[in-house]
């Protein structure tokens, strides 16, 4: 904004006033204008420039114009409303007047000649017949006063009683009753000679004989007019009936079209829903088939992989153990020589120790287990034609974080060029026995069953699968029978499911093929179920000293023997019919039940 900002202080006001006056004098009479209004500036409180004052006046004028325009519009609206009310009232009054308008006032001919003579007035002569046309104040319509000449019997009529009217005094009106039933006096008046009637009389008589407009519209119309009216009414009714029928036909057509469109819409929605349901059903079947095909392909792939690669193959195990530094263990002793020949009643030198071989416990081709002695202690020696220390690895895994590790046997492994020898020693003051040496005492079998369940639970909790449990390869190590620790001497069929993750069903376990052919196990069962059947076979042999032969009774498997109690029958039924249940839960339940009885 141009110009100085002026405050409300008195010193600044005086300076502004002096500068303005000086400017006016120095200009040599030229007009110089300040940008502020001097009056408002001196008044104080506000500082408004001329532009602000002009804007203020402009807005005030604009508000006045708007108010004036609104007032004018309001007046116009009120005037239009009044005119509309007047027009509506006028239209309504015209409609009422058209409906209730009476017929034209009758034209009357009044004969007062007799009454005037009766009144004693002098009548006119026969040459002059004064006629008057007048309007009675109490009636509507035009009246004509006609005076007839005196007749010979006029005096007789004058002698009539005052209340009886004269014969020649008539009101000739154009009314329906006078025309319908004319009296003798009216006929007499009409039949007067024309020479005795004045022109007004003739007009009156002719007017009296003509029908009124109301009579033309009433029942006295001609037959031709009535026929025309009836014909018009008939045509009008026919037109109305035809229009009504057309409307009804049109409505029926519209209703039919509406119903037809609704049915078509419903059918269309129904077809769309059916199509969608069919599409969904097809997709569902297609997805199910694809899922089944995927499962089938996966099973086939697993089966082919299981047949193609044996998880118990020595080369597979050697590759799995390459990730572990087994040879760095102090209990692993490499020997740079071929595997020595081991026979019963022979001597074997291993790592500076001499072992006397007493007997052979197991001979299965490439694997042999011997009972031996060293320094007056019983030992077990396993000899196999595989240089991978798989037994040493799995036994070490079993002893990890084991609560009863102080009761466990000591293991050492000797690696040769074409095989290995595993030696199981006893801790001090411990006994080493084979499970098969246990008698048929049910109490002893019950304790051994609890220890076997504990062993399999420890294996499964570490994702280890033995897959070859039988009495001849199980040994017991402990200071007393009630505190012994059971462990396997042979791990040839065992698997480590943490390393061999591709083994997902019992069908991939080589030692379970006989159970699959029998139907005791299903191909899709978990791999752990093979150990449940191994536990059942081992305990059954200890109880009966015979091989277990399972039988299918209905939908479940069972074993039949006369010496078995209900507890053992329930024991075998749970192991042989585990199905998809977790092996840990089945083993835990059986261990708890037998512990209550035998421990």
Foldseek 3Di string as FASTA:
>chain_A
DDDDDAAQDPVSLVVVVVVVVVVCVVVVNDDDDDQWDNVVNPVDPDTDGPVRVVVVVVVVVVVVVVVVVVVVVVVVVVVVVVVVVVVVVVVVVVVVCVVPPDFAFWEWEWECQLVCVLVVDDADDQVDWDKDWDADPVGDYIYIYGYADDDPCSVVQSPDDPVDDGLQTDILTQDDVCVVDPDPSLVVLLPDDPVSDDPVSVVSNVSSPDHTPVCCVDDNHDPVVVVVVVVVVVVVVVVVVVVVVVVVVVVVVVVVVVVVVVVVVVVVVVVVVVVVVVVVVVVVVVVVVVVVVVVVVLVVVLLVVLVVDPCLDLVNLVVLCVVPPVCVDPQEAEDEAADDDDDAQDWDDDPNFIKGFHAWLDDDPQKTKTWIDGPNFIKIKIWGQHQRPPVVVVVVLLLVVDPVNVQAWDWHKYGYPGTIMIMTTADPLKHKAFQVPDAQPPLLLLLVLLLLLVSLLSQVVQQKAQLDAARSQKMWMGNDSNDIHIDGNDRSQMDRCVSVVSQFFLSSRVSCVVVCVVVLDDRREGNNLSVLVSSLQHSVCSNPVDGFDWDDDPPFIFGDDDPDDPLVRVSNRCSSPVGRPDPSVSSVVNSVVSVVPND
